[in-house]
PDB file of N, CA and C in Angstrom:
ATOM      1  N   SER A   1      84.505  67.222 -34.681  1.00  0.00           N
ATOM      2  CA  SER A   1      84.055  68.470 -34.108  1.00  0.00           C
ATOM      3  C   SER A   1      84.780  68.731 -32.802  1.00  0.00           C
ATOM      4  N   ASP A   2      84.484  69.848 -32.215  1.00  0.00           N
ATOM      5  CA  ASP A   2      85.043  70.148 -30.898  1.00  0.00           C
ATOM      6  C   ASP A   2      84.195  69.458 -29.827  1.00  0.00           C
ATOM      7  N   GLN A   3      84.508  69.706 -28.595  1.00  0.00           N
ATOM      8  CA  GLN A   3      83.812  69.048 -27.491  1.00  0.00           C
ATOM      9  C   GLN A   3      82.631  69.874 -26.981  1.00  0.00           C
ATOM     10  N   GLY A   4      82.080  70.747 -27.807  1.00  0.00           N
ATOM     11  CA  GLY A   4      80.969  71.598 -27.393  1.00  0.00           C
ATOM     12  C   GLY A   4      79.770  70.797 -26.920  1.00  0.00           C
ATOM     13  N   SER A   5      79.017  71.369 -26.000  1.00  0.00           N
ATOM     14  CA  SER A   5      77.892  70.647 -25.401  1.00  0.00           C
ATOM     15  C   SER A   5      76.836  70.257 -26.428  1.00  0.00           C
ATOM     16  N   HIS A   6      76.675  71.042 -27.481  1.00  0.00           N
ATOM     17  CA  HIS A   6      75.679  70.696 -28.495  1.00  0.00           C
ATOM     18  C   HIS A   6      76.092  69.446 -29.276  1.00  0.00           C
ATOM     19  N   TYR A   7      77.392  69.163 -29.380  1.00  0.00           N
ATOM     20  CA  TYR A   7      77.858  67.968 -30.084  1.00  0.00           C
ATOM     21  C   TYR A   7      77.915  66.744 -29.182  1.00  0.00           C
ATOM     22  N   THR A   8      77.997  66.944 -27.888  1.00  0.00           N
ATOM     23  CA  THR A   8      78.094  65.818 -26.961  1.00  0.00           C
ATOM     24  C   THR A   8      76.759  65.500 -26.298  1.00  0.00           C
ATOM     25  N   SER A   9      75.719  66.249 -26.614  1.00  0.00           N
ATOM     26  CA  SER A   9      74.417  66.023 -25.986  1.00  0.00           C
ATOM     27  C   SER A   9      73.827  64.687 -26.425  1.00  0.00           C
ATOM     28  N   ARG A  10      73.017  64.126 -25.556  1.00  0.00           N
ATOM     29  CA  ARG A  10      72.357  62.852 -25.856  1.00  0.00           C
ATOM     30  C   ARG A  10      71.466  62.993 -27.091  1.00  0.00           C
ATOM     31  N   GLN A  11      70.737  64.080 -27.192  1.00  0.00           N
ATOM     32  CA  GLN A  11      69.825  64.291 -28.317  1.00  0.00           C
ATOM     33  C   GLN A  11      70.587  64.294 -29.646  1.00  0.00           C
ATOM     34  N   PHE A  12      71.714  64.985 -29.694  1.00  0.00           N
ATOM     35  CA  PHE A  12      72.504  65.047 -30.922  1.00  0.00           C
ATOM     36  C   PHE A  12      73.078  63.674 -31.267  1.00  0.00           C
ATOM     37  N   ARG A  13      73.597  62.967 -30.265  1.00  0.00           N
ATOM     38  CA  ARG A  13      74.170  61.641 -30.508  1.00  0.00           C
ATOM     39  C   ARG A  13      73.109  60.652 -30.981  1.00  0.00           C
ATOM     40  N   GLN A  14      71.888  60.758 -30.454  1.00  0.00           N
ATOM     41  CA  GLN A  14      70.801  59.888 -30.903  1.00  0.00           C
ATOM     42  C   GLN A  14      70.422  60.181 -32.350  1.00  0.00           C
ATOM     43  N   LEU A  15      70.444  61.449 -32.715  1.00  0.00           N
ATOM     44  CA  LEU A  15      70.152  61.827 -34.094  1.00  0.00           C
ATOM     45  C   LEU A  15      71.201  61.243 -35.041  1.00  0.00           C
ATOM     46  N   LEU A  16      72.460  61.324 -34.652  1.00  0.00           N
ATOM     47  CA  LEU A  16      73.511  60.716 -35.468  1.00  0.00           C
ATOM     48  C   LEU A  16      73.295  59.217 -35.601  1.00  0.00           C
ATOM     49  N   TRP A  17      72.982  58.565 -34.484  1.00  0.00           N
ATOM     50  CA  TRP A  17      72.769  57.121 -34.493  1.00  0.00           C
ATOM     51  C   TRP A  17      71.614  56.761 -35.422  1.00  0.00           C
ATOM     52  N   ARG A  18      70.528  57.540 -35.360  1.00  0.00           N
ATOM     53  CA  ARG A  18      69.344  57.265 -36.179  1.00  0.00           C
ATOM     54  C   ARG A  18      69.687  57.277 -37.669  1.00  0.00           C
ATOM     55  N   TYR A  19      70.536  58.202 -38.072  1.00  0.00           N
ATOM     56  CA  TYR A  19      70.896  58.317 -39.487  1.00  0.00           C
ATOM     57  C   TYR A  19      72.202  57.605 -39.832  1.00  0.00           C
ATOM     58  N   ARG A  20      72.676  56.797 -38.885  1.00  0.00           N
ATOM     59  CA  ARG A  20      73.885  55.980 -39.078  1.00  0.00           C
ATOM     60  C   ARG A  20      75.097  56.822 -39.461  1.00  0.00           C
ATOM     61  N   ILE A  21      75.245  57.934 -38.758  1.00  0.00           N
ATOM     62  CA  ILE A  21      76.378  58.827 -38.971  1.00  0.00           C
ATOM     63  C   ILE A  21      77.369  58.611 -37.843  1.00  0.00           C
ATOM     64  N   ARG A  22      78.606  58.411 -38.195  1.00  0.00           N
ATOM     65  CA  ARG A  22      79.652  58.209 -37.200  1.00  0.00           C
ATOM     66  C   ARG A  22      80.223  59.563 -36.791  1.00  0.00           C
ATOM     67  N   GLN A  23      80.191  59.829 -35.516  1.00  0.00           N
ATOM     68  CA  GLN A  23      80.679  61.106 -35.005  1.00  0.00           C
ATOM     69  C   GLN A  23      82.197  61.078 -34.878  1.00  0.00           C
ATOM     70  N   SER A  24      82.815  62.183 -35.211  1.00  0.00           N
ATOM     71  CA  SER A  24      84.263  62.316 -35.103  1.00  0.00           C
ATOM     72  C   SER A  24      84.574  63.573 -34.305  1.00  0.00           C
ATOM     73  N   MET A  25      85.267  63.391 -33.193  1.00  0.00           N
ATOM     74  CA  MET A  25      85.635  64.540 -32.360  1.00  0.00           C
ATOM     75  C   MET A  25      87.106  64.445 -31.999  1.00  0.00           C
ATOM     76  N   SER A  26      87.710  65.598 -31.857  1.00  0.00           N
ATOM     77  CA  SER A  26      89.095  65.630 -31.404  1.00  0.00           C
ATOM     78  C   SER A  26      89.145  65.309 -29.916  1.00  0.00           C
ATOM     79  N   ARG A  27      90.328  64.986 -29.459  1.00  0.00           N
ATOM     80  CA  ARG A  27      90.502  64.717 -28.033  1.00  0.00           C
ATOM     81  C   ARG A  27      90.272  66.000 -27.253  1.00  0.00           C
ATOM     82  N   ARG A  28      89.825  65.846 -26.052  1.00  0.00           N
ATOM     83  CA  ARG A  28      89.566  66.998 -25.193  1.00  0.00           C
ATOM     84  C   ARG A  28      90.856  67.807 -25.020  1.00  0.00           C
ATOM     85  N   GLY A  29      90.754  69.101 -25.294  1.00  0.00           N
ATOM     86  CA  GLY A  29      91.885  69.996 -25.100  1.00  0.00           C
ATOM     87  C   GLY A  29      92.914  69.991 -26.213  1.00  0.00           C
ATOM     88  N   ASN A  30      92.648  69.258 -27.316  1.00  0.00           N
ATOM     89  CA  ASN A  30      93.610  69.220 -28.416  1.00  0.00           C
ATOM     90  C   ASN A  30      92.913  69.610 -29.718  1.00  0.00           C
ATOM     91  N   CYS A  31      92.909  70.887 -30.010  1.00  0.00           N
ATOM     92  CA  CYS A  31      92.199  71.382 -31.188  1.00  0.00           C
ATOM     93  C   CYS A  31      92.887  71.015 -32.499  1.00  0.00           C
ATOM     94  N   TRP A  32      94.109  70.530 -32.449  1.00  0.00           N
ATOM     95  CA  TRP A  32      94.848  70.223 -33.675  1.00  0.00           C
ATOM     96  C   TRP A  32      94.511  68.850 -34.239  1.00  0.00           C
ATOM     97  N   ASP A  33      93.848  67.993 -33.468  1.00  0.00           N
ATOM     98  CA  ASP A  33      93.522  66.643 -33.935  1.00  0.00           C
ATOM     99  C   ASP A  33      92.796  66.646 -35.270  1.00  0.00           C
ATOM    100  N   ASN A  34      91.836  67.519 -35.400  1.00  0.00           N
ATOM    101  CA  ASN A  34      90.956  67.500 -36.559  1.00  0.00           C
ATOM    102  C   ASN A  34      91.339  68.531 -37.622  1.00  0.00           C
ATOM    103  N   SER A  35      92.452  69.202 -37.445  1.00  0.00           N
ATOM    104  CA  SER A  35      92.791  70.301 -38.354  1.00  0.00           C
ATOM    105  C   SER A  35      92.982  69.873 -39.811  1.00  0.00           C
ATOM    106  N   PRO A  36      93.545  68.689 -40.120  1.00  0.00           N
ATOM    107  CA  PRO A  36      93.650  68.328 -41.544  1.00  0.00           C
ATOM    108  C   PRO A  36      92.282  68.225 -42.228  1.00  0.00           C
ATOM    109  N   MET A  37      91.305  67.645 -41.539  1.00  0.00           N
ATOM    110  CA  MET A  37      89.978  67.524 -42.146  1.00  0.00           C
ATOM    111  C   MET A  37      89.277  68.872 -42.224  1.00  0.00           C
ATOM    112  N   GLU A  38      89.468  69.704 -41.218  1.00  0.00           N
ATOM    113  CA  GLU A  38      88.873  71.041 -41.275  1.00  0.00           C
ATOM    114  C   GLU A  38      89.459  71.829 -42.438  1.00  0.00           C
ATOM    115  N   ARG A  39      90.743  71.684 -42.687  1.00  0.00           N
ATOM    116  CA  ARG A  39      91.400  72.367 -43.812  1.00  0.00           C
ATOM    117  C   ARG A  39      90.863  71.847 -45.139  1.00  0.00           C
ATOM    118  N   PHE A  40      90.691  70.524 -45.232  1.00  0.00           N
ATOM    119  CA  PHE A  40      90.153  69.938 -46.454  1.00  0.00           C
ATOM    120  C   PHE A  40      88.756  70.490 -46.745  1.00  0.00           C
ATOM    121  N   PHE A  41      87.883  70.472 -45.742  1.00  0.00           N
ATOM    122  CA  PHE A  41      86.514  70.937 -45.966  1.00  0.00           C
ATOM    123  C   PHE A  41      86.457  72.438 -46.240  1.00  0.00           C
ATOM    124  N   ARG A  42      87.366  73.198 -45.665  1.00  0.00           N
ATOM    125  CA  ARG A  42      87.428  74.624 -45.988  1.00  0.00           C
ATOM    126  C   ARG A  42      87.783  74.802 -47.467  1.00  0.00           C
ATOM    127  N   SER A  43      88.768  74.032 -47.936  1.00  0.00           N
ATOM    128  CA  SER A  43      89.141  74.109 -49.355  1.00  0.00           C
ATOM    129  C   SER A  43      87.984  73.689 -50.250  1.00  0.00           C
ATOM    130  N   LEU A  44      87.330  72.606 -49.894  1.00  0.00           N
ATOM    131  CA  LEU A  44      86.192  72.131 -50.681  1.00  0.00           C
ATOM    132  C   LEU A  44      85.123  73.213 -50.792  1.00  0.00           C
ATOM    133  N   LYS A  45      84.759  73.808 -49.681  1.00  0.00           N
ATOM    134  CA  LYS A  45      83.705  74.832 -49.689  1.00  0.00           C
ATOM    135  C   LYS A  45      84.128  76.079 -50.459  1.00  0.00           C
ATOM    136  N   ASN A  46      85.369  76.511 -50.273  1.00  0.00           N
ATOM    137  CA  ASN A  46      85.824  77.748 -50.917  1.00  0.00           C
ATOM    138  C   ASN A  46      86.130  77.580 -52.393  1.00  0.00           C
ATOM    139  N   GLU A  47      86.622  76.418 -52.783  1.00  0.00           N
ATOM    140  CA  GLU A  47      87.090  76.220 -54.157  1.00  0.00           C
ATOM    141  C   GLU A  47      86.079  75.538 -55.069  1.00  0.00           C
ATOM    142  N   TRP A  48      85.107  74.837 -54.523  1.00  0.00           N
ATOM    143  CA  TRP A  48      84.315  73.964 -55.370  1.00  0.00           C
ATOM    144  C   TRP A  48      82.807  74.102 -55.209  1.00  0.00           C
ATOM    145  N   VAL A  49      82.327  74.120 -53.995  1.00  0.00           N
ATOM    146  CA  VAL A  49      80.880  74.118 -53.762  1.00  0.00           C
ATOM    147  C   VAL A  49      80.299  75.481 -54.130  1.00  0.00           C
ATOM    148  N   PRO A  50      79.287  75.502 -55.006  1.00  0.00           N
ATOM    149  CA  PRO A  50      78.690  76.783 -55.381  1.00  0.00           C
ATOM    150  C   PRO A  50      77.985  77.435 -54.188  1.00  0.00           C
ATOM    151  N   ALA A  51      77.985  78.738 -54.159  1.00  0.00           N
ATOM    152  CA  ALA A  51      77.369  79.478 -53.050  1.00  0.00           C
ATOM    153  C   ALA A  51      75.889  79.150 -52.903  1.00  0.00           C
ATOM    154  N   THR A  52      75.253  78.791 -53.995  1.00  0.00           N
ATOM    155  CA  THR A  52      73.826  78.465 -53.961  1.00  0.00           C
ATOM    156  C   THR A  52      73.569  77.001 -53.624  1.00  0.00           C
ATOM    157  N   GLY A  53      74.613  76.215 -53.470  1.00  0.00           N
ATOM    158  CA  GLY A  53      74.454  74.796 -53.163  1.00  0.00           C
ATOM    159  C   GLY A  53      74.201  73.979 -54.416  1.00  0.00           C
ATOM    160  N   TYR A  54      73.786  72.750 -54.213  1.00  0.00           N
ATOM    161  CA  TYR A  54      73.512  71.840 -55.325  1.00  0.00           C
ATOM    162  C   TYR A  54      72.012  71.603 -55.441  1.00  0.00           C
ATOM    163  N   VAL A  55      71.574  71.273 -56.644  1.00  0.00           N
ATOM    164  CA  VAL A  55      70.156  71.030 -56.890  1.00  0.00           C
ATOM    165  C   VAL A  55      69.710  69.726 -56.237  1.00  0.00           C
ATOM    166  N   SER A  56      70.574  68.719 -56.275  1.00  0.00           N
ATOM    167  CA  SER A  56      70.200  67.414 -55.726  1.00  0.00           C
ATOM    168  C   SER A  56      71.391  66.778 -55.020  1.00  0.00           C
ATOM    169  N   PHE A  57      71.095  65.772 -54.234  1.00  0.00           N
ATOM    170  CA  PHE A  57      72.146  65.019 -53.563  1.00  0.00           C
ATOM    171  C   PHE A  57      73.066  64.368 -54.591  1.00  0.00           C
ATOM    172  N   SER A  58      72.480  63.845 -55.654  1.00  0.00           N
ATOM    173  CA  SER A  58      73.262  63.197 -56.706  1.00  0.00           C
ATOM    174  C   SER A  58      74.248  64.174 -57.349  1.00  0.00           C
ATOM    175  N   ASP A  59      73.795  65.383 -57.641  1.00  0.00           N
ATOM    176  CA  ASP A  59      74.687  66.410 -58.202  1.00  0.00           C
ATOM    177  C   ASP A  59      75.834  66.710 -57.247  1.00  0.00           C
ATOM    178  N   ALA A  60      75.511  66.819 -55.967  1.00  0.00           N
ATOM    179  CA  ALA A  60      76.542  67.094 -54.961  1.00  0.00           C
ATOM    180  C   ALA A  60      77.541  65.950 -54.889  1.00  0.00           C
ATOM    181  N   ALA A  61      77.049  64.725 -54.867  1.00  0.00           N
ATOM    182  CA  ALA A  61      77.937  63.561 -54.770  1.00  0.00           C
ATOM    183  C   ALA A  61      78.893  63.496 -55.956  1.00  0.00           C
ATOM    184  N   HIS A  62      78.379  63.714 -57.154  1.00  0.00           N
ATOM    185  CA  HIS A  62      79.233  63.678 -58.350  1.00  0.00           C
ATOM    186  C   HIS A  62      80.255  64.812 -58.343  1.00  0.00           C
ATOM    187  N   ALA A  63      79.814  66.010 -58.016  1.00  0.00           N
ATOM    188  CA  ALA A  63      80.717  67.161 -58.023  1.00  0.00           C
ATOM    189  C   ALA A  63      81.809  67.021 -56.968  1.00  0.00           C
ATOM    190  N   ILE A  64      81.450  66.543 -55.796  1.00  0.00           N
ATOM    191  CA  ILE A  64      82.442  66.400 -54.726  1.00  0.00           C
ATOM    192  C   ILE A  64      83.414  65.275 -55.038  1.00  0.00           C
ATOM    193  N   THR A  65      82.935  64.199 -55.652  1.00  0.00           N
ATOM    194  CA  THR A  65      83.837  63.132 -56.094  1.00  0.00           C
ATOM    195  C   THR A  65      84.810  63.666 -57.137  1.00  0.00           C
ATOM    196  N   ASP A  66      84.307  64.464 -58.073  1.00  0.00           N
ATOM    197  CA  ASP A  66      85.188  65.081 -59.074  1.00  0.00           C
ATOM    198  C   ASP A  66      86.245  65.952 -58.407  1.00  0.00           C
ATOM    199  N   TYR A  67      85.854  66.690 -57.380  1.00  0.00           N
ATOM    200  CA  TYR A  67      86.803  67.545 -56.668  1.00  0.00           C
ATOM    201  C   TYR A  67      87.897  66.714 -56.012  1.00  0.00           C
ATOM    202  N   ILE A  68      87.501  65.680 -55.297  1.00  0.00           N
ATOM    203  CA  ILE A  68      88.475  64.878 -54.554  1.00  0.00           C
ATOM    204  C   ILE A  68      89.387  64.109 -55.499  1.00  0.00           C
ATOM    205  N   VAL A  69      88.798  63.386 -56.443  1.00  0.00           N
ATOM    206  CA  VAL A  69      89.574  62.503 -57.322  1.00  0.00           C
ATOM    207  C   VAL A  69      90.243  63.270 -58.458  1.00  0.00           C
ATOM    208  N   GLY A  70      89.491  64.162 -59.086  1.00  0.00           N
ATOM    209  CA  GLY A  70      89.995  64.824 -60.278  1.00  0.00           C
ATOM    210  C   GLY A  70      90.795  66.081 -60.046  1.00  0.00           C
ATOM    211  N   TYR A  71      90.572  66.748 -58.918  1.00  0.00           N
ATOM    212  CA  TYR A  71      91.273  68.007 -58.688  1.00  0.00           C
ATOM    213  C   TYR A  71      92.145  67.979 -57.438  1.00  0.00           C
ATOM    214  N   TYR A  72      91.543  67.741 -56.283  1.00  0.00           N
ATOM    215  CA  TYR A  72      92.270  67.869 -55.013  1.00  0.00           C
ATOM    216  C   TYR A  72      93.469  66.927 -54.949  1.00  0.00           C
ATOM    217  N   SER A  73      93.283  65.686 -55.328  1.00  0.00           N
ATOM    218  CA  SER A  73      94.370  64.709 -55.242  1.00  0.00           C
ATOM    219  C   SER A  73      95.282  64.713 -56.459  1.00  0.00           C
ATOM    220  N   ALA A  74      94.721  65.054 -57.615  1.00  0.00           N
ATOM    221  CA  ALA A  74      95.488  64.930 -58.853  1.00  0.00           C
ATOM    222  C   ALA A  74      96.149  66.222 -59.321  1.00  0.00           C
ATOM    223  N   LEU A  75      95.541  67.369 -59.067  1.00  0.00           N
ATOM    224  CA  LEU A  75      96.044  68.616 -59.650  1.00  0.00           C
ATOM    225  C   LEU A  75      96.378  69.711 -58.642  1.00  0.00           C
ATOM    226  N   ARG A  76      95.643  69.769 -57.548  1.00  0.00           N
ATOM    227  CA  ARG A  76      95.788  70.893 -56.615  1.00  0.00           C
ATOM    228  C   ARG A  76      97.130  70.831 -55.893  1.00  0.00           C
ATOM    229  N   PRO A  77      97.937  71.892 -55.997  1.00  0.00           N
ATOM    230  CA  PRO A  77      99.225  71.891 -55.281  1.00  0.00           C
ATOM    231  C   PRO A  77      99.012  71.978 -53.769  1.00  0.00           C
ATOM    232  N   HIS A  78      99.854  71.263 -53.029  1.00  0.00           N
ATOM    233  CA  HIS A  78      99.786  71.266 -51.568  1.00  0.00           C
ATOM    234  C   HIS A  78     101.125  71.729 -51.019  1.00  0.00           C
ATOM    235  N   GLU A  79     101.084  72.739 -50.197  1.00  0.00           N
ATOM    236  CA  GLU A  79     102.307  73.297 -49.621  1.00  0.00           C
ATOM    237  C   GLU A  79     103.093  72.237 -48.857  1.00  0.00           C
ATOM    238  N   TYR A  80     102.396  71.369 -48.146  1.00  0.00           N
ATOM    239  CA  TYR A  80     103.045  70.319 -47.351  1.00  0.00           C
ATOM    240  C   TYR A  80     103.908  69.407 -48.223  1.00  0.00           C
ATOM    241  N   ASN A  81     103.486  69.201 -49.465  1.00  0.00           N
ATOM    242  CA  ASN A  81     104.202  68.317 -50.396  1.00  0.00           C
ATOM    243  C   ASN A  81     105.160  69.083 -51.296  1.00  0.00           C
ATOM    244  N   GLY A  82     105.608  70.225 -50.865  1.00  0.00           N
ATOM    245  CA  GLY A  82     106.516  71.012 -51.693  1.00  0.00           C
ATOM    246  C   GLY A  82     105.854  71.565 -52.939  1.00  0.00           C
ATOM    247  N   GLY A  83     104.560  71.815 -52.870  1.00  0.00           N
ATOM    248  CA  GLY A  83     103.838  72.363 -54.013  1.00  0.00           C
ATOM    249  C   GLY A  83     103.324  71.323 -54.984  1.00  0.00           C
ATOM    250  N   LEU A  84     103.481  70.050 -54.653  1.00  0.00           N
ATOM    251  CA  LEU A  84     103.003  68.979 -55.528  1.00  0.00           C
ATOM    252  C   LEU A  84     101.610  68.519 -55.105  1.00  0.00           C
ATOM    253  N   PRO A  85     100.816  68.055 -56.072  1.00  0.00           N
ATOM    254  CA  PRO A  85      99.548  67.417 -55.710  1.00  0.00           C
ATOM    255  C   PRO A  85      99.833  66.105 -54.967  1.00  0.00           C
ATOM    256  N   PRO A  86      98.927  65.639 -54.119  1.00  0.00           N
ATOM    257  CA  PRO A  86      99.166  64.407 -53.364  1.00  0.00           C
ATOM    258  C   PRO A  86      99.514  63.200 -54.228  1.00  0.00           C
ATOM    259  N   ASN A  87      98.833  63.019 -55.350  1.00  0.00           N
ATOM    260  CA  ASN A  87      99.128  61.858 -56.194  1.00  0.00           C
ATOM    261  C   ASN A  87     100.567  61.889 -56.707  1.00  0.00           C
ATOM    262  N   GLU A  88     101.015  63.050 -57.151  1.00  0.00           N
ATOM    263  CA  GLU A  88     102.385  63.182 -57.656  1.00  0.00           C
ATOM    264  C   GLU A  88     103.398  62.960 -56.544  1.00  0.00           C
ATOM    265  N   SER A  89     103.120  63.503 -55.386  1.00  0.00           N
ATOM    266  CA  SER A  89     104.015  63.316 -54.244  1.00  0.00           C
ATOM    267  C   SER A  89     104.135  61.842 -53.882  1.00  0.00           C
ATOM    268  N   GLU A  90     103.023  61.141 -53.882  1.00  0.00           N
ATOM    269  CA  GLU A  90     103.045  59.710 -53.567  1.00  0.00           C
ATOM    270  C   GLU A  90     103.794  58.921 -54.640  1.00  0.00           C
ATOM    271  N   ASN A  91     103.569  59.253 -55.907  1.00  0.00           N
ATOM    272  CA  ASN A  91     104.287  58.565 -56.988  1.00  0.00           C
ATOM    273  C   ASN A  91     105.793  58.736 -56.846  1.00  0.00           C
ATOM    274  N   ARG A  92     106.229  59.939 -56.541  1.00  0.00           N
ATOM    275  CA  ARG A  92     107.665  60.181 -56.361  1.00  0.00           C
ATOM    276  C   ARG A  92     108.215  59.413 -55.167  1.00  0.00           C
ATOM    277  N   TYR A  93     107.425  59.324 -54.114  1.00  0.00           N
ATOM    278  CA  TYR A  93     107.846  58.569 -52.930  1.00  0.00           C
ATOM    279  C   TYR A  93     108.100  57.109 -53.293  1.00  0.00           C
ATOM    280  N   TRP A  94     107.158  56.494 -54.004  1.00  0.00           N
ATOM    281  CA  TRP A  94     107.299  55.080 -54.338  1.00  0.00           C
ATOM    282  C   TRP A  94     108.416  54.832 -55.341  1.00  0.00           C
ATOM    283  N   LYS A  95     108.694  55.777 -56.209  1.00  0.00           N
ATOM    284  CA  LYS A  95     109.797  55.615 -57.163  1.00  0.00           C
ATOM    285  C   LYS A  95     111.148  55.634 -56.469  1.00  0.00           C
ATOM    286  N   LYS A  96     111.235  56.355 -55.343  1.00  0.00           N
ATOM    287  CA  LYS A  96     112.499  56.426 -54.601  1.00  0.00           C
ATOM    288  C   LYS A  96     112.830  55.120 -53.894  1.00  0.00           C
ATOM    289  N   LEU A  97     111.836  54.316 -53.596  1.00  0.00           N
ATOM    290  CA  LEU A  97     112.074  53.069 -52.850  1.00  0.00           C
ATOM    291  C   LEU A  97     112.721  52.009 -53.660  1.00  0.00           C
TER     292      LEU A  97
END
């Protein structure tokens, strides 16, 4: 997240600690630190998560795993990789070595 006061407050940090959630924030003054993850979650929300949400946590976990493993990494083209999915780009990298 950014360095906003609501994310750095003691109350918020205690809530994260209670639920064993590890907080991730970019460095102060560097908004680009977290941009790859923000882009990933934007894609996940726009391409996969239904507008009405999921019925259960289990449904969400399965659907999001399918997105990451079955679509995002295996099939979805990425501009950074010359239009290749990450798995294909990595396979080509290792074949060149």
